[in-house]
Amino acid sequence: MARPRKPLLSRERIVAAAGALVDSEGLDAVSTRRLAAELGVSGPSLYNHFRTKDEILEAVADAVSAQVDLSMFAEHDSRDWATALHDWALSYRAALRAHPQIVPVLARGPGRRPAGLRVADAVFGAMVRAGWPPAQATHIGALMRYFITGSALGSFARGFVDDETAYDPADYPHLGRAHLLAGHQEAVDEGAFETGLRAIIEGLGVQYAALDRS
């Protein structure tokens, strides 16, 4: 009986395996030796698809960028620029929250990554089309990336231990309930993100109303 054929090695299989490793164990878990073992292939065979570990991580990051919804920036979409920016920010953050370990790579910017560049192009194009000057459209794209990736790098609520004795009122008179934050992580972190996003977009709305579009 013929032995079953192994699935052909491909960029997609390598990226999927590397992404699973990053999700479960972090960036440091990824190595060509570890990936080869996970895929049941020899280490050198990976170099037919990627030259370095960094290239693999860049591809993993781009696969996450590809999950971000960009439909709100299409020319035929009826949403105004502010609603589109809000909806996109929620989709972007959801993708990062699903894969938090890859955020440090994404935070470096799109570089040459195709999906990452499509995100940047869609945001910039939509803002310019809405009437923002190109320089300010660039600032908006940068601002949103800083805000969204920053929010995905860690949890504010989890930064406080759930030990009441850690917050001596003699030293920290206003942190008497800080030990409760970790138990309400979802509400705290989501509320903080929505508050910040609303403040950003409302602030941009004030600037937009003041633009000279004559």
C-alpha atoms as a PDB file:
ATOM      1  CA  MET A   1       0.000   0.000   0.000  1.00  0.00           C
ATOM      2  CA  ALA A   2       1.365   3.393  -0.940  1.00  0.00           C
ATOM      3  CA  ARG A   3       2.207   5.686   1.929  1.00  0.00           C
ATOM      4  CA  PRO A   4      -0.035   8.757   2.226  1.00  0.00           C
ATOM      5  CA  ARG A   5       1.533  11.811   0.646  1.00  0.00           C
ATOM      6  CA  LYS A   6       2.540  14.663   2.905  1.00  0.00           C
ATOM      7  CA  PRO A   7       0.828  17.972   2.145  1.00  0.00           C
ATOM      8  CA  LEU A   8       3.030  20.134  -0.033  1.00  0.00           C
ATOM      9  CA  LEU A   9       4.940  22.806   1.826  1.00  0.00           C
ATOM     10  CA  SER A  10       3.727  26.286   0.935  1.00  0.00           C
ATOM     11  CA  ARG A  11       3.993  29.835   2.190  1.00  0.00           C
ATOM     12  CA  GLU A  12       0.432  29.548   3.445  1.00  0.00           C
ATOM     13  CA  ARG A  13       1.180  26.431   5.531  1.00  0.00           C
ATOM     14  CA  ILE A  14       4.299  28.022   6.984  1.00  0.00           C
ATOM     15  CA  VAL A  15       2.469  31.235   7.880  1.00  0.00           C
ATOM     16  CA  ALA A  16      -0.422  29.312   9.436  1.00  0.00           C
ATOM     17  CA  ALA A  17       1.948  27.215  11.556  1.00  0.00           C
ATOM     18  CA  ALA A  18       3.999  30.238  12.578  1.00  0.00           C
ATOM     19  CA  GLY A  19       0.848  32.182  13.427  1.00  0.00           C
ATOM     20  CA  ALA A  20      -0.398  29.364  15.647  1.00  0.00           C
ATOM     21  CA  LEU A  21       2.952  29.301  17.449  1.00  0.00           C
ATOM     22  CA  VAL A  22       2.944  33.055  17.957  1.00  0.00           C
ATOM     23  CA  ASP A  23      -0.614  32.976  19.273  1.00  0.00           C
ATOM     24  CA  SER A  24       0.079  30.183  21.741  1.00  0.00           C
ATOM     25  CA  GLU A  25       3.667  30.800  22.819  1.00  0.00           C
ATOM     26  CA  GLY A  26       4.782  34.230  21.615  1.00  0.00           C
ATOM     27  CA  LEU A  27       7.270  35.612  19.122  1.00  0.00           C
ATOM     28  CA  ASP A  28      10.295  33.935  20.687  1.00  0.00           C
ATOM     29  CA  ALA A  29       8.809  30.490  20.072  1.00  0.00           C
ATOM     30  CA  VAL A  30       9.198  30.862  16.319  1.00  0.00           C
ATOM     31  CA  SER A  31      12.359  29.404  14.819  1.00  0.00           C
ATOM     32  CA  THR A  32      13.039  27.579  11.589  1.00  0.00           C
ATOM     33  CA  ARG A  33      13.849  24.419  13.537  1.00  0.00           C
ATOM     34  CA  ARG A  34      10.618  24.571  15.523  1.00  0.00           C
ATOM     35  CA  LEU A  35       8.535  25.340  12.443  1.00  0.00           C
ATOM     36  CA  ALA A  36      10.132  22.518  10.487  1.00  0.00           C
ATOM     37  CA  ALA A  37       9.267  20.105  13.299  1.00  0.00           C
ATOM     38  CA  GLU A  38       5.680  21.373  13.444  1.00  0.00           C
ATOM     39  CA  LEU A  39       5.315  20.959   9.684  1.00  0.00           C
ATOM     40  CA  GLY A  40       7.140  17.635   9.455  1.00  0.00           C
ATOM     41  CA  VAL A  41       9.760  18.893   7.032  1.00  0.00           C
ATOM     42  CA  SER A  42      13.471  19.595   7.051  1.00  0.00           C
ATOM     43  CA  GLY A  43      14.628  23.022   8.191  1.00  0.00           C
ATOM     44  CA  PRO A  44      16.326  24.002   4.925  1.00  0.00           C
ATOM     45  CA  SER A  45      13.092  23.448   2.989  1.00  0.00           C
ATOM     46  CA  LEU A  46      11.632  26.551   4.667  1.00  0.00           C
ATOM     47  CA  TYR A  47      14.249  28.674   2.937  1.00  0.00           C
ATOM     48  CA  ASN A  48      12.616  27.927  -0.409  1.00  0.00           C
ATOM     49  CA  HIS A  49       9.797  30.201   0.793  1.00  0.00           C
ATOM     50  CA  PHE A  50      11.316  32.572   3.362  1.00  0.00           C
ATOM     51  CA  ARG A  51      14.893  33.748   3.774  1.00  0.00           C
ATOM     52  CA  THR A  52      14.723  34.574   7.479  1.00  0.00           C
ATOM     53  CA  LYS A  53      12.631  34.204  10.612  1.00  0.00           C
ATOM     54  CA  ASP A  54      11.848  37.927  10.401  1.00  0.00           C
ATOM     55  CA  GLU A  55      10.316  37.410   6.953  1.00  0.00           C
ATOM     56  CA  ILE A  56       8.069  34.718   8.408  1.00  0.00           C
ATOM     57  CA  LEU A  57       6.935  36.998  11.231  1.00  0.00           C
ATOM     58  CA  GLU A  58       6.277  39.787   8.746  1.00  0.00           C
ATOM     59  CA  ALA A  59       4.067  37.400   6.783  1.00  0.00           C
ATOM     60  CA  VAL A  60       2.210  36.395   9.960  1.00  0.00           C
ATOM     61  CA  ALA A  61       1.637  40.074  10.739  1.00  0.00           C
ATOM     62  CA  ASP A  62       0.351  40.661   7.222  1.00  0.00           C
ATOM     63  CA  ALA A  63      -2.078  37.767   7.534  1.00  0.00           C
ATOM     64  CA  VAL A  64      -3.551  39.538  10.567  1.00  0.00           C
ATOM     65  CA  SER A  65      -3.767  42.836   8.656  1.00  0.00           C
ATOM     66  CA  ALA A  66      -5.682  40.990   5.950  1.00  0.00           C
ATOM     67  CA  GLN A  67      -8.424  40.235   8.503  1.00  0.00           C
ATOM     68  CA  VAL A  68      -9.229  43.935   8.948  1.00  0.00           C
ATOM     69  CA  ASP A  69     -12.460  45.044   7.260  1.00  0.00           C
ATOM     70  CA  LEU A  70     -11.879  47.852   4.745  1.00  0.00           C
ATOM     71  CA  SER A  71     -15.320  47.858   3.125  1.00  0.00           C
ATOM     72  CA  MET A  72     -16.320  51.095   4.857  1.00  0.00           C
ATOM     73  CA  PHE A  73     -13.675  52.959   2.856  1.00  0.00           C
ATOM     74  CA  ALA A  74     -14.972  51.857  -0.541  1.00  0.00           C
ATOM     75  CA  GLU A  75     -16.134  54.724  -2.745  1.00  0.00           C
ATOM     76  CA  HIS A  76     -19.633  53.225  -3.036  1.00  0.00           C
ATOM     77  CA  ASP A  77     -20.061  52.879   0.748  1.00  0.00           C
ATOM     78  CA  SER A  78     -22.560  55.342   2.195  1.00  0.00           C
ATOM     79  CA  ARG A  79     -20.839  55.884   5.557  1.00  0.00           C
ATOM     80  CA  ASP A  80     -19.302  59.295   6.168  1.00  0.00           C
ATOM     81  CA  TRP A  81     -15.608  59.557   7.021  1.00  0.00           C
ATOM     82  CA  ALA A  82     -16.181  59.649  10.803  1.00  0.00           C
ATOM     83  CA  THR A  83     -18.436  56.574  10.863  1.00  0.00           C
ATOM     84  CA  ALA A  84     -16.073  54.732   8.529  1.00  0.00           C
ATOM     85  CA  LEU A  85     -13.102  55.551  10.746  1.00  0.00           C
ATOM     86  CA  HIS A  86     -14.995  54.331  13.819  1.00  0.00           C
ATOM     87  CA  ASP A  87     -16.121  51.075  12.206  1.00  0.00           C
ATOM     88  CA  TRP A  88     -12.664  50.394  10.799  1.00  0.00           C
ATOM     89  CA  ALA A  89     -11.052  51.021  14.188  1.00  0.00           C
ATOM     90  CA  LEU A  90     -13.325  48.405  15.785  1.00  0.00           C
ATOM     91  CA  SER A  91     -12.446  45.856  13.110  1.00  0.00           C
ATOM     92  CA  TYR A  92      -8.732  46.636  13.347  1.00  0.00           C
ATOM     93  CA  ARG A  93      -8.732  46.284  17.123  1.00  0.00           C
ATOM     94  CA  ALA A  94     -10.711  43.039  16.964  1.00  0.00           C
ATOM     95  CA  ALA A  95      -8.063  41.545  14.671  1.00  0.00           C
ATOM     96  CA  LEU A  96      -5.289  42.613  17.034  1.00  0.00           C
ATOM     97  CA  ARG A  97      -7.122  41.379  20.124  1.00  0.00           C
ATOM     98  CA  ALA A  98      -7.441  37.965  18.473  1.00  0.00           C
ATOM     99  CA  HIS A  99      -3.676  37.879  17.893  1.00  0.00           C
ATOM    100  CA  PRO A 100      -2.076  40.062  20.591  1.00  0.00           C
ATOM    101  CA  GLN A 101       1.348  38.424  20.438  1.00  0.00           C
ATOM    102  CA  ILE A 102       1.996  39.704  16.903  1.00  0.00           C
ATOM    103  CA  VAL A 103       1.127  43.322  17.776  1.00  0.00           C
ATOM    104  CA  PRO A 104       4.778  44.373  18.368  1.00  0.00           C
ATOM    105  CA  VAL A 105       5.546  43.447  14.751  1.00  0.00           C
ATOM    106  CA  LEU A 106       2.470  45.257  13.439  1.00  0.00           C
ATOM    107  CA  ALA A 107       3.316  48.312  15.537  1.00  0.00           C
ATOM    108  CA  ARG A 108       6.468  48.860  13.465  1.00  0.00           C
ATOM    109  CA  GLY A 109       4.311  49.861  10.509  1.00  0.00           C
ATOM    110  CA  PRO A 110       3.413  48.184   7.207  1.00  0.00           C
ATOM    111  CA  GLY A 111       6.860  48.234   5.629  1.00  0.00           C
ATOM    112  CA  ARG A 112       6.486  46.199   2.432  1.00  0.00           C
ATOM    113  CA  ARG A 113       3.605  44.042   3.653  1.00  0.00           C
ATOM    114  CA  PRO A 114       0.831  44.042   0.981  1.00  0.00           C
ATOM    115  CA  ALA A 115      -2.181  43.788   3.304  1.00  0.00           C
ATOM    116  CA  GLY A 116      -0.723  46.360   5.665  1.00  0.00           C
ATOM    117  CA  LEU A 117      -0.156  48.733   2.775  1.00  0.00           C
ATOM    118  CA  ARG A 118      -3.728  48.185   1.588  1.00  0.00           C
ATOM    119  CA  VAL A 119      -4.938  49.252   5.034  1.00  0.00           C
ATOM    120  CA  ALA A 120      -2.816  52.410   4.954  1.00  0.00           C
ATOM    121  CA  ASP A 121      -3.899  53.184   1.398  1.00  0.00           C
ATOM    122  CA  ALA A 122      -7.595  52.712   2.190  1.00  0.00           C
ATOM    123  CA  VAL A 123      -7.519  54.978   5.249  1.00  0.00           C
ATOM    124  CA  PHE A 124      -5.489  57.717   3.576  1.00  0.00           C
ATOM    125  CA  GLY A 125      -7.536  57.595   0.378  1.00  0.00           C
ATOM    126  CA  ALA A 126     -10.850  57.792   2.210  1.00  0.00           C
ATOM    127  CA  MET A 127      -9.757  60.739   4.330  1.00  0.00           C
ATOM    128  CA  VAL A 128      -8.491  62.695   1.314  1.00  0.00           C
ATOM    129  CA  ARG A 129     -11.639  61.862  -0.613  1.00  0.00           C
ATOM    130  CA  ALA A 130     -13.690  63.212   2.302  1.00  0.00           C
ATOM    131  CA  GLY A 131     -11.897  66.551   2.080  1.00  0.00           C
ATOM    132  CA  TRP A 132      -9.017  66.239   4.518  1.00  0.00           C
ATOM    133  CA  PRO A 133      -5.760  67.792   3.249  1.00  0.00           C
ATOM    134  CA  PRO A 134      -3.166  65.068   2.531  1.00  0.00           C
ATOM    135  CA  ALA A 135      -0.926  66.112   5.437  1.00  0.00           C
ATOM    136  CA  GLN A 136      -3.778  65.882   7.921  1.00  0.00           C
ATOM    137  CA  ALA A 137      -4.980  62.617   6.385  1.00  0.00           C
ATOM    138  CA  THR A 138      -1.488  61.262   7.071  1.00  0.00           C
ATOM    139  CA  HIS A 139      -1.693  62.465  10.666  1.00  0.00           C
ATOM    140  CA  ILE A 140      -5.064  60.749  11.086  1.00  0.00           C
ATOM    141  CA  GLY A 141      -3.687  57.450   9.822  1.00  0.00           C
ATOM    142  CA  ALA A 142      -0.727  57.696  12.186  1.00  0.00           C
ATOM    143  CA  LEU A 143      -2.900  58.728  15.126  1.00  0.00           C
ATOM    144  CA  MET A 144      -5.265  55.817  14.639  1.00  0.00           C
ATOM    145  CA  ARG A 145      -2.422  53.308  14.346  1.00  0.00           C
ATOM    146  CA  TYR A 146      -0.810  54.607  17.544  1.00  0.00           C
ATOM    147  CA  PHE A 147      -4.105  54.448  19.403  1.00  0.00           C
ATOM    148  CA  ILE A 148      -5.273  51.042  18.193  1.00  0.00           C
ATOM    149  CA  THR A 149      -1.975  49.187  18.402  1.00  0.00           C
ATOM    150  CA  GLY A 150      -1.255  50.783  21.758  1.00  0.00           C
ATOM    151  CA  SER A 151      -4.576  49.584  23.122  1.00  0.00           C
ATOM    152  CA  ALA A 152      -3.792  46.060  21.945  1.00  0.00           C
ATOM    153  CA  LEU A 153      -0.335  45.840  23.533  1.00  0.00           C
ATOM    154  CA  GLY A 154      -1.735  45.127  26.970  1.00  0.00           C
ATOM    155  CA  SER A 155      -4.660  45.416  29.350  1.00  0.00           C
ATOM    156  CA  PHE A 156      -4.945  48.449  31.625  1.00  0.00           C
ATOM    157  CA  ALA A 157      -7.125  46.514  34.049  1.00  0.00           C
ATOM    158  CA  ARG A 158      -4.752  43.550  34.278  1.00  0.00           C
ATOM    159  CA  GLY A 159      -1.969  45.928  35.212  1.00  0.00           C
ATOM    160  CA  PHE A 160      -3.360  46.053  38.747  1.00  0.00           C
ATOM    161  CA  VAL A 161      -3.044  43.073  41.085  1.00  0.00           C
ATOM    162  CA  ASP A 162      -6.169  41.746  42.784  1.00  0.00           C
ATOM    163  CA  ASP A 163      -4.591  42.044  46.236  1.00  0.00           C
ATOM    164  CA  GLU A 164      -6.198  44.784  48.312  1.00  0.00           C
ATOM    165  CA  THR A 165      -3.133  45.019  50.562  1.00  0.00           C
ATOM    166  CA  ALA A 166      -1.018  46.216  47.616  1.00  0.00           C
ATOM    167  CA  TYR A 167      -2.767  49.569  47.758  1.00  0.00           C
ATOM    168  CA  ASP A 168      -2.105  50.995  51.197  1.00  0.00           C
ATOM    169  CA  PRO A 169      -4.365  54.056  51.522  1.00  0.00           C
ATOM    170  CA  ALA A 170      -1.544  55.867  53.297  1.00  0.00           C
ATOM    171  CA  ASP A 171       0.492  55.652  50.078  1.00  0.00           C
ATOM    172  CA  TYR A 172      -2.262  55.499  47.448  1.00  0.00           C
ATOM    173  CA  PRO A 173      -5.318  57.274  48.857  1.00  0.00           C
ATOM    174  CA  HIS A 174      -7.224  57.104  45.556  1.00  0.00           C
ATOM    175  CA  LEU A 175      -6.608  53.442  44.678  1.00  0.00           C
ATOM    176  CA  GLY A 176      -8.821  51.813  47.274  1.00  0.00           C
ATOM    177  CA  ARG A 177     -10.719  49.866  44.624  1.00  0.00           C
ATOM    178  CA  ALA A 178      -7.853  49.212  42.211  1.00  0.00           C
ATOM    179  CA  HIS A 179      -7.713  45.557  43.254  1.00  0.00           C
ATOM    180  CA  LEU A 180     -11.129  45.091  41.634  1.00  0.00           C
ATOM    181  CA  LEU A 181     -10.054  46.218  38.172  1.00  0.00           C
ATOM    182  CA  ALA A 182      -8.663  42.880  36.990  1.00  0.00           C
ATOM    183  CA  GLY A 183     -12.014  41.256  37.681  1.00  0.00           C
ATOM    184  CA  HIS A 184     -13.701  43.719  35.342  1.00  0.00           C
ATOM    185  CA  GLN A 185     -11.107  43.671  32.597  1.00  0.00           C
ATOM    186  CA  GLU A 186     -13.512  43.459  29.664  1.00  0.00           C
ATOM    187  CA  ALA A 187     -15.677  46.351  30.822  1.00  0.00           C
ATOM    188  CA  VAL A 188     -12.716  48.539  31.782  1.00  0.00           C
ATOM    189  CA  ASP A 189     -10.630  47.962  28.668  1.00  0.00           C
ATOM    190  CA  GLU A 190     -13.529  48.106  26.220  1.00  0.00           C
ATOM    191  CA  GLY A 191     -14.941  51.193  27.914  1.00  0.00           C
ATOM    192  CA  ALA A 192     -11.550  52.881  27.767  1.00  0.00           C
ATOM    193  CA  PHE A 193     -11.163  52.086  24.070  1.00  0.00           C
ATOM    194  CA  GLU A 194     -14.628  53.362  23.175  1.00  0.00           C
ATOM    195  CA  THR A 195     -14.089  56.520  25.249  1.00  0.00           C
ATOM    196  CA  GLY A 196     -10.786  57.214  23.546  1.00  0.00           C
ATOM    197  CA  LEU A 197     -12.102  56.441  20.085  1.00  0.00           C
ATOM    198  CA  ARG A 198     -15.108  58.688  20.568  1.00  0.00           C
ATOM    199  CA  ALA A 199     -12.888  61.506  21.861  1.00  0.00           C
ATOM    200  CA  ILE A 200     -10.562  61.189  18.866  1.00  0.00           C
ATOM    201  CA  ILE A 201     -13.322  61.184  16.274  1.00  0.00           C
ATOM    202  CA  GLU A 202     -15.272  63.998  17.912  1.00  0.00           C
ATOM    203  CA  GLY A 203     -12.078  66.035  18.137  1.00  0.00           C
ATOM    204  CA  LEU A 204     -11.350  65.371  14.484  1.00  0.00           C
ATOM    205  CA  GLY A 205     -14.916  66.441  13.707  1.00  0.00           C
ATOM    206  CA  VAL A 206     -14.214  69.843  15.230  1.00  0.00           C
ATOM    207  CA  GLN A 207     -11.098  70.193  13.088  1.00  0.00           C
ATOM    208  CA  TYR A 208     -12.966  69.005  10.002  1.00  0.00           C
ATOM    209  CA  ALA A 209     -15.697  71.606  10.490  1.00  0.00           C
ATOM    210  CA  ALA A 210     -13.029  74.294  10.602  1.00  0.00           C
ATOM    211  CA  LEU A 211     -11.336  73.263   7.362  1.00  0.00           C
ATOM    212  CA  ASP A 212     -11.240  75.778   4.571  1.00  0.00           C
ATOM    213  CA  ARG A 213     -12.564  73.782   1.629  1.00  0.00           C
ATOM    214  CA  SER A 214     -13.161  76.790  -0.628  1.00  0.00           C
END
